N, C-alpha and C. Protein backbone atom coordinates (compact mmCIF):
# COMPACT_ATOMS: atom_id res chain seq x y z
N MET A 1 19.83 38.05 34.31
CA MET A 1 19.41 36.72 34.66
C MET A 1 18.71 36.05 33.48
N GLY A 2 17.99 36.78 32.66
CA GLY A 2 17.29 36.23 31.52
C GLY A 2 18.25 35.70 30.46
N LYS A 3 19.38 36.43 30.29
CA LYS A 3 20.37 36.00 29.32
C LYS A 3 21.01 34.69 29.75
N LEU A 4 21.18 34.47 31.04
CA LEU A 4 21.80 33.25 31.56
C LEU A 4 20.90 32.04 31.28
N LYS A 5 19.59 32.20 31.46
CA LYS A 5 18.64 31.11 31.18
C LYS A 5 18.65 30.76 29.70
N ILE A 6 18.67 31.75 28.84
CA ILE A 6 18.69 31.51 27.39
C ILE A 6 19.97 30.80 26.99
N LYS A 7 21.09 31.21 27.59
CA LYS A 7 22.38 30.59 27.30
C LYS A 7 22.38 29.12 27.72
N LYS A 8 21.85 28.83 28.91
CA LYS A 8 21.78 27.44 29.41
C LYS A 8 20.86 26.61 28.51
N LEU A 9 19.74 27.18 28.10
CA LEU A 9 18.80 26.49 27.23
C LEU A 9 19.46 26.18 25.88
N PHE A 10 20.19 27.15 25.35
CA PHE A 10 20.89 26.98 24.07
C PHE A 10 21.91 25.84 24.16
N TYR A 11 22.74 25.86 25.21
CA TYR A 11 23.75 24.79 25.39
C TYR A 11 23.09 23.44 25.64
N GLY A 12 21.99 23.46 26.35
CA GLY A 12 21.26 22.21 26.60
C GLY A 12 20.72 21.60 25.31
N LEU A 13 20.19 22.44 24.42
CA LEU A 13 19.68 21.96 23.14
C LEU A 13 20.80 21.42 22.26
N ILE A 14 21.95 22.07 22.28
CA ILE A 14 23.10 21.57 21.50
C ILE A 14 23.54 20.22 22.04
N ALA A 15 23.64 20.10 23.37
CA ALA A 15 24.04 18.84 23.98
C ALA A 15 23.03 17.72 23.64
N LEU A 16 21.76 18.04 23.69
CA LEU A 16 20.72 17.07 23.35
C LEU A 16 20.83 16.63 21.89
N ALA A 17 21.06 17.57 20.99
CA ALA A 17 21.21 17.24 19.57
C ALA A 17 22.42 16.34 19.35
N LEU A 18 23.54 16.67 19.96
CA LEU A 18 24.75 15.83 19.83
C LEU A 18 24.51 14.43 20.40
N PHE A 19 23.82 14.36 21.53
CA PHE A 19 23.51 13.07 22.15
C PHE A 19 22.64 12.22 21.21
N MET A 20 21.64 12.83 20.58
CA MET A 20 20.76 12.08 19.68
C MET A 20 21.51 11.62 18.45
N ILE A 21 22.35 12.46 17.88
CA ILE A 21 23.12 12.07 16.69
C ILE A 21 24.05 10.93 17.02
N THR A 22 24.75 11.02 18.14
CA THR A 22 25.67 9.96 18.55
C THR A 22 24.91 8.67 18.84
N GLY A 23 23.78 8.79 19.50
CA GLY A 23 22.98 7.59 19.82
C GLY A 23 22.50 6.88 18.57
N CYS A 24 22.07 7.61 17.56
CA CYS A 24 21.60 7.00 16.32
C CYS A 24 22.74 6.30 15.59
N ASN A 25 23.91 6.91 15.58
CA ASN A 25 25.05 6.30 14.91
C ASN A 25 25.51 5.03 15.60
N ILE A 26 25.45 4.99 16.91
CA ILE A 26 25.88 3.80 17.64
C ILE A 26 24.90 2.66 17.39
N GLN A 27 23.62 2.95 17.35
CA GLN A 27 22.61 1.90 17.22
C GLN A 27 22.59 1.23 15.86
N GLY A 28 22.74 1.96 14.80
CA GLY A 28 22.58 1.30 13.52
C GLY A 28 23.36 1.87 12.38
N GLY A 29 23.78 3.10 12.48
CA GLY A 29 24.47 3.70 11.35
C GLY A 29 23.51 3.86 10.19
N THR A 30 23.95 3.46 9.01
CA THR A 30 23.09 3.59 7.84
C THR A 30 22.33 2.30 7.61
N THR A 31 21.16 2.42 7.09
CA THR A 31 20.33 1.27 6.78
C THR A 31 20.25 1.12 5.27
N THR A 32 20.51 -0.08 4.79
CA THR A 32 20.40 -0.33 3.36
C THR A 32 19.35 -1.40 3.13
N VAL A 33 18.63 -1.24 2.05
CA VAL A 33 17.63 -2.22 1.67
C VAL A 33 18.17 -2.98 0.47
N SER A 34 18.14 -4.30 0.55
CA SER A 34 18.63 -5.09 -0.57
C SER A 34 17.60 -6.15 -0.93
N ILE A 35 17.62 -6.51 -2.18
CA ILE A 35 16.74 -7.56 -2.67
C ILE A 35 17.61 -8.78 -2.91
N ASP A 36 17.26 -9.87 -2.25
CA ASP A 36 18.02 -11.09 -2.43
C ASP A 36 17.59 -11.78 -3.70
N SER A 37 18.55 -12.12 -4.52
CA SER A 37 18.22 -12.80 -5.77
C SER A 37 18.36 -14.31 -5.59
N ILE A 38 17.65 -15.03 -6.40
CA ILE A 38 17.65 -16.48 -6.40
C ILE A 38 18.65 -16.92 -7.45
N ASP A 39 19.40 -17.98 -7.18
CA ASP A 39 20.37 -18.44 -8.17
C ASP A 39 19.74 -19.44 -9.14
N ALA A 40 20.49 -19.77 -10.19
CA ALA A 40 19.99 -20.65 -11.25
C ALA A 40 19.60 -22.01 -10.70
N GLU A 41 20.37 -22.53 -9.78
CA GLU A 41 20.07 -23.85 -9.22
C GLU A 41 18.71 -23.86 -8.54
N GLU A 42 18.38 -22.81 -7.78
CA GLU A 42 17.08 -22.73 -7.11
C GLU A 42 15.93 -22.68 -8.13
N VAL A 43 16.10 -21.87 -9.16
CA VAL A 43 15.04 -21.74 -10.18
C VAL A 43 14.84 -23.08 -10.89
N LEU A 44 15.93 -23.73 -11.27
CA LEU A 44 15.82 -24.99 -12.00
C LEU A 44 15.36 -26.14 -11.11
N THR A 45 15.55 -26.04 -9.81
CA THR A 45 15.02 -27.04 -8.89
C THR A 45 13.50 -26.95 -8.86
N LEU A 46 12.98 -25.73 -8.90
CA LEU A 46 11.53 -25.53 -8.90
C LEU A 46 10.90 -25.84 -10.26
N ASP A 47 11.63 -25.58 -11.34
CA ASP A 47 11.13 -25.80 -12.70
C ASP A 47 12.30 -26.24 -13.58
N SER A 48 12.47 -27.54 -13.71
CA SER A 48 13.64 -28.08 -14.42
C SER A 48 13.67 -27.71 -15.90
N ASP A 49 12.53 -27.29 -16.46
CA ASP A 49 12.47 -26.93 -17.87
C ASP A 49 12.50 -25.40 -18.09
N ALA A 50 12.78 -24.65 -17.03
CA ALA A 50 12.77 -23.18 -17.12
C ALA A 50 13.80 -22.68 -18.13
N ASP A 51 13.42 -21.63 -18.85
CA ASP A 51 14.29 -20.94 -19.81
C ASP A 51 14.79 -19.69 -19.09
N ILE A 52 16.07 -19.70 -18.68
CA ILE A 52 16.60 -18.62 -17.85
C ILE A 52 17.95 -18.11 -18.37
N PHE A 53 18.29 -16.91 -17.92
CA PHE A 53 19.65 -16.39 -18.11
C PHE A 53 19.97 -15.48 -16.93
N GLN A 54 21.25 -15.17 -16.77
CA GLN A 54 21.67 -14.28 -15.68
C GLN A 54 22.23 -13.00 -16.27
N TYR A 55 21.80 -11.88 -15.68
CA TYR A 55 22.31 -10.57 -16.07
C TYR A 55 22.48 -9.73 -14.80
N ASP A 56 23.63 -9.16 -14.61
CA ASP A 56 23.94 -8.29 -13.48
C ASP A 56 23.62 -8.97 -12.15
N GLY A 57 23.95 -10.26 -12.04
CA GLY A 57 23.77 -11.00 -10.80
C GLY A 57 22.36 -11.48 -10.53
N VAL A 58 21.43 -11.24 -11.45
CA VAL A 58 20.02 -11.61 -11.26
C VAL A 58 19.62 -12.62 -12.33
N ILE A 59 18.84 -13.63 -11.93
CA ILE A 59 18.31 -14.62 -12.86
C ILE A 59 17.01 -14.08 -13.45
N TYR A 60 16.88 -14.20 -14.77
CA TYR A 60 15.67 -13.79 -15.49
C TYR A 60 15.05 -15.02 -16.12
N LYS A 61 13.71 -15.11 -16.05
CA LYS A 61 12.98 -16.28 -16.54
C LYS A 61 11.87 -15.84 -17.48
N THR A 62 11.64 -16.64 -18.54
CA THR A 62 10.58 -16.35 -19.49
C THR A 62 9.42 -17.33 -19.33
N ASN A 63 8.41 -17.16 -20.17
CA ASN A 63 7.20 -18.00 -20.17
C ASN A 63 6.40 -17.83 -18.87
N ILE A 64 6.27 -16.60 -18.43
CA ILE A 64 5.45 -16.27 -17.27
C ILE A 64 4.21 -15.57 -17.83
N ASP A 65 3.07 -16.19 -17.62
CA ASP A 65 1.82 -15.75 -18.27
C ASP A 65 1.56 -14.25 -18.18
N TRP A 66 1.56 -13.68 -16.99
CA TRP A 66 1.20 -12.27 -16.85
C TRP A 66 2.23 -11.35 -17.51
N VAL A 67 3.49 -11.79 -17.57
CA VAL A 67 4.53 -10.99 -18.23
C VAL A 67 4.31 -11.00 -19.74
N GLU A 68 3.94 -12.17 -20.27
CA GLU A 68 3.70 -12.29 -21.71
C GLU A 68 2.56 -11.38 -22.16
N GLU A 69 1.60 -11.10 -21.29
CA GLU A 69 0.45 -10.27 -21.64
C GLU A 69 0.78 -8.77 -21.64
N LEU A 70 1.91 -8.38 -21.06
CA LEU A 70 2.27 -6.97 -20.99
C LEU A 70 2.70 -6.44 -22.35
N SER A 71 2.35 -5.20 -22.61
CA SER A 71 2.80 -4.53 -23.82
C SER A 71 4.04 -3.72 -23.44
N LEU A 72 5.20 -4.18 -23.88
CA LEU A 72 6.47 -3.55 -23.52
C LEU A 72 7.21 -3.07 -24.76
N THR A 73 7.99 -2.01 -24.57
CA THR A 73 8.76 -1.45 -25.66
C THR A 73 10.24 -1.74 -25.43
N LYS A 74 10.88 -2.32 -26.43
CA LYS A 74 12.30 -2.60 -26.37
C LYS A 74 13.05 -1.28 -26.33
N ASP A 75 14.02 -1.17 -25.41
CA ASP A 75 14.81 0.06 -25.28
C ASP A 75 16.22 -0.20 -25.82
N VAL A 76 17.24 0.03 -25.05
CA VAL A 76 18.61 -0.11 -25.54
C VAL A 76 19.19 -1.49 -25.25
N GLN A 77 20.12 -1.92 -26.09
CA GLN A 77 20.79 -3.19 -25.85
C GLN A 77 21.74 -3.02 -24.66
N ILE A 78 21.61 -3.94 -23.69
CA ILE A 78 22.44 -3.85 -22.49
C ILE A 78 23.44 -4.99 -22.38
N GLY A 79 23.31 -5.98 -23.26
CA GLY A 79 24.23 -7.11 -23.21
C GLY A 79 23.86 -8.15 -24.24
N GLU A 80 24.57 -9.28 -24.16
CA GLU A 80 24.24 -10.42 -25.01
C GLU A 80 24.71 -11.70 -24.32
N ILE A 81 24.08 -12.80 -24.69
CA ILE A 81 24.44 -14.09 -24.11
C ILE A 81 25.83 -14.48 -24.61
N LYS A 82 26.71 -14.76 -23.65
CA LYS A 82 28.08 -15.09 -24.01
C LYS A 82 28.39 -16.57 -23.82
N LYS A 83 27.51 -17.26 -23.06
CA LYS A 83 27.75 -18.68 -22.83
C LYS A 83 26.42 -19.39 -22.66
N ASN A 84 26.32 -20.58 -23.24
CA ASN A 84 25.14 -21.41 -23.10
C ASN A 84 25.59 -22.70 -22.43
N ASP A 85 24.98 -23.02 -21.29
CA ASP A 85 25.41 -24.18 -20.53
C ASP A 85 24.25 -24.66 -19.66
N ALA A 86 24.10 -25.96 -19.56
CA ALA A 86 23.05 -26.54 -18.71
C ALA A 86 23.49 -26.58 -17.25
N ASN A 87 24.74 -26.27 -16.99
CA ASN A 87 25.28 -26.22 -15.63
C ASN A 87 24.51 -25.16 -14.84
N THR A 88 24.32 -25.36 -13.53
CA THR A 88 23.57 -24.40 -12.72
C THR A 88 24.46 -23.35 -12.06
N ASP A 89 25.76 -23.40 -12.27
CA ASP A 89 26.67 -22.40 -11.72
C ASP A 89 26.77 -21.24 -12.72
N PHE A 90 25.72 -20.41 -12.75
CA PHE A 90 25.62 -19.34 -13.74
C PHE A 90 26.52 -18.16 -13.42
N ARG A 91 26.92 -17.48 -14.47
CA ARG A 91 27.62 -16.19 -14.42
C ARG A 91 26.80 -15.22 -15.27
N ASP A 92 27.13 -13.93 -15.18
CA ASP A 92 26.41 -12.94 -15.98
C ASP A 92 26.52 -13.25 -17.47
N GLU A 93 25.41 -12.98 -18.17
CA GLU A 93 25.28 -13.20 -19.62
C GLU A 93 25.44 -14.67 -20.01
N MET A 94 24.95 -15.55 -19.12
CA MET A 94 24.97 -16.99 -19.36
C MET A 94 23.52 -17.50 -19.34
N SER A 95 23.20 -18.42 -20.24
CA SER A 95 21.85 -18.96 -20.35
C SER A 95 21.88 -20.48 -20.44
N ASN A 96 20.76 -21.09 -20.10
CA ASN A 96 20.68 -22.54 -20.25
C ASN A 96 20.03 -22.93 -21.59
N LYS A 97 19.35 -21.99 -22.25
CA LYS A 97 18.68 -22.34 -23.51
C LYS A 97 18.95 -21.36 -24.66
N LEU A 98 19.19 -20.11 -24.36
CA LEU A 98 19.41 -19.12 -25.42
C LEU A 98 20.78 -19.32 -26.07
N PRO A 99 20.85 -19.18 -27.39
CA PRO A 99 22.14 -19.34 -28.06
C PRO A 99 23.09 -18.17 -27.80
N VAL A 100 24.38 -18.44 -27.87
CA VAL A 100 25.40 -17.41 -27.73
C VAL A 100 25.15 -16.34 -28.80
N GLY A 101 25.27 -15.08 -28.42
CA GLY A 101 25.04 -13.97 -29.34
C GLY A 101 23.65 -13.38 -29.25
N THR A 102 22.75 -14.01 -28.50
CA THR A 102 21.40 -13.47 -28.31
C THR A 102 21.50 -12.12 -27.63
N LYS A 103 20.81 -11.12 -28.17
CA LYS A 103 20.88 -9.75 -27.65
C LYS A 103 19.88 -9.55 -26.51
N ILE A 104 20.33 -8.82 -25.48
CA ILE A 104 19.51 -8.52 -24.30
C ILE A 104 19.23 -7.01 -24.30
N PHE A 105 17.94 -6.66 -24.16
CA PHE A 105 17.52 -5.26 -24.17
C PHE A 105 16.78 -4.90 -22.88
N SER A 106 16.92 -3.65 -22.46
CA SER A 106 16.09 -3.14 -21.37
C SER A 106 14.72 -2.81 -21.96
N THR A 107 13.75 -2.54 -21.08
CA THR A 107 12.43 -2.11 -21.53
C THR A 107 12.18 -0.69 -21.03
N LYS A 108 11.40 0.06 -21.78
CA LYS A 108 11.10 1.44 -21.39
C LYS A 108 10.15 1.50 -20.20
N GLU A 109 9.28 0.50 -20.08
CA GLU A 109 8.21 0.56 -19.08
C GLU A 109 8.59 -0.01 -17.72
N ARG A 110 9.46 -1.01 -17.68
CA ARG A 110 9.74 -1.70 -16.41
C ARG A 110 11.22 -2.03 -16.28
N GLY A 111 11.73 -1.91 -15.06
CA GLY A 111 13.12 -2.23 -14.80
C GLY A 111 13.36 -3.69 -14.46
N ASP A 112 12.29 -4.43 -14.14
CA ASP A 112 12.45 -5.83 -13.74
C ASP A 112 12.18 -6.82 -14.87
N ILE A 113 11.95 -6.31 -16.08
CA ILE A 113 11.72 -7.17 -17.23
C ILE A 113 12.68 -6.78 -18.35
N LEU A 114 13.33 -7.79 -18.91
CA LEU A 114 14.22 -7.56 -20.05
C LEU A 114 13.66 -8.27 -21.27
N ILE A 115 13.98 -7.75 -22.44
CA ILE A 115 13.55 -8.36 -23.70
C ILE A 115 14.77 -8.96 -24.36
N VAL A 116 14.58 -10.16 -24.89
CA VAL A 116 15.66 -10.87 -25.58
C VAL A 116 15.22 -11.10 -27.01
N GLU A 117 16.14 -10.87 -27.95
CA GLU A 117 15.84 -11.06 -29.36
C GLU A 117 16.82 -12.08 -29.92
N SER A 118 16.25 -13.21 -30.42
CA SER A 118 17.08 -14.28 -30.95
C SER A 118 16.37 -14.94 -32.12
N GLU A 119 17.09 -15.04 -33.23
CA GLU A 119 16.58 -15.72 -34.42
C GLU A 119 15.19 -15.20 -34.82
N GLY A 120 15.00 -13.89 -34.75
CA GLY A 120 13.74 -13.27 -35.15
C GLY A 120 12.64 -13.39 -34.12
N GLU A 121 12.89 -14.02 -32.99
CA GLU A 121 11.88 -14.19 -31.95
C GLU A 121 12.18 -13.25 -30.79
N ILE A 122 11.12 -12.67 -30.22
CA ILE A 122 11.27 -11.78 -29.06
C ILE A 122 10.63 -12.45 -27.86
N LYS A 123 11.41 -12.49 -26.75
CA LYS A 123 10.92 -13.08 -25.51
C LYS A 123 11.07 -12.07 -24.39
N LYS A 124 10.14 -12.15 -23.42
CA LYS A 124 10.18 -11.28 -22.25
C LYS A 124 10.64 -12.11 -21.04
N TYR A 125 11.61 -11.57 -20.31
CA TYR A 125 12.15 -12.26 -19.14
C TYR A 125 11.98 -11.41 -17.90
N LEU A 126 11.44 -12.01 -16.84
CA LEU A 126 11.21 -11.34 -15.57
C LEU A 126 12.34 -11.65 -14.60
N ALA A 127 12.81 -10.64 -13.86
CA ALA A 127 13.81 -10.84 -12.80
C ALA A 127 13.19 -11.69 -11.71
N ILE A 128 13.87 -12.75 -11.32
CA ILE A 128 13.38 -13.64 -10.26
C ILE A 128 14.13 -13.30 -8.99
N VAL A 129 13.41 -12.72 -8.00
CA VAL A 129 14.01 -12.34 -6.72
C VAL A 129 13.18 -12.90 -5.60
N GLU A 130 13.82 -13.07 -4.44
CA GLU A 130 13.09 -13.54 -3.27
C GLU A 130 12.21 -12.42 -2.77
N GLY A 131 10.98 -12.76 -2.40
CA GLY A 131 10.05 -11.73 -2.01
C GLY A 131 9.73 -11.65 -0.61
């Protein structure tokens, strides 16, 4: 009789586990977290004189006081500006002020800030995302 109770308990636990797994999959499946990025038009609507470029679908902006104060190390080159246009329909590696050929570098310290080197000048650009 003891073996029968253990067997029923074992099958009950398996059934409960299958029920929970199935229930979780029906309710939501996998959950992904995404950061919504702001487009060039939105940034320029807020600041018509903003110096921006787009890289990997994200708009980056310079002349942000707290970013300028950071001590950052230039890492590897990840791209360069391929088009300069005042149009707000941006594509990757497009800028409204940086000249074509400007090099874009990652930083060792932060993933949300890129360094741009143009005509001997170094600028820091922060990723602009909705918060």
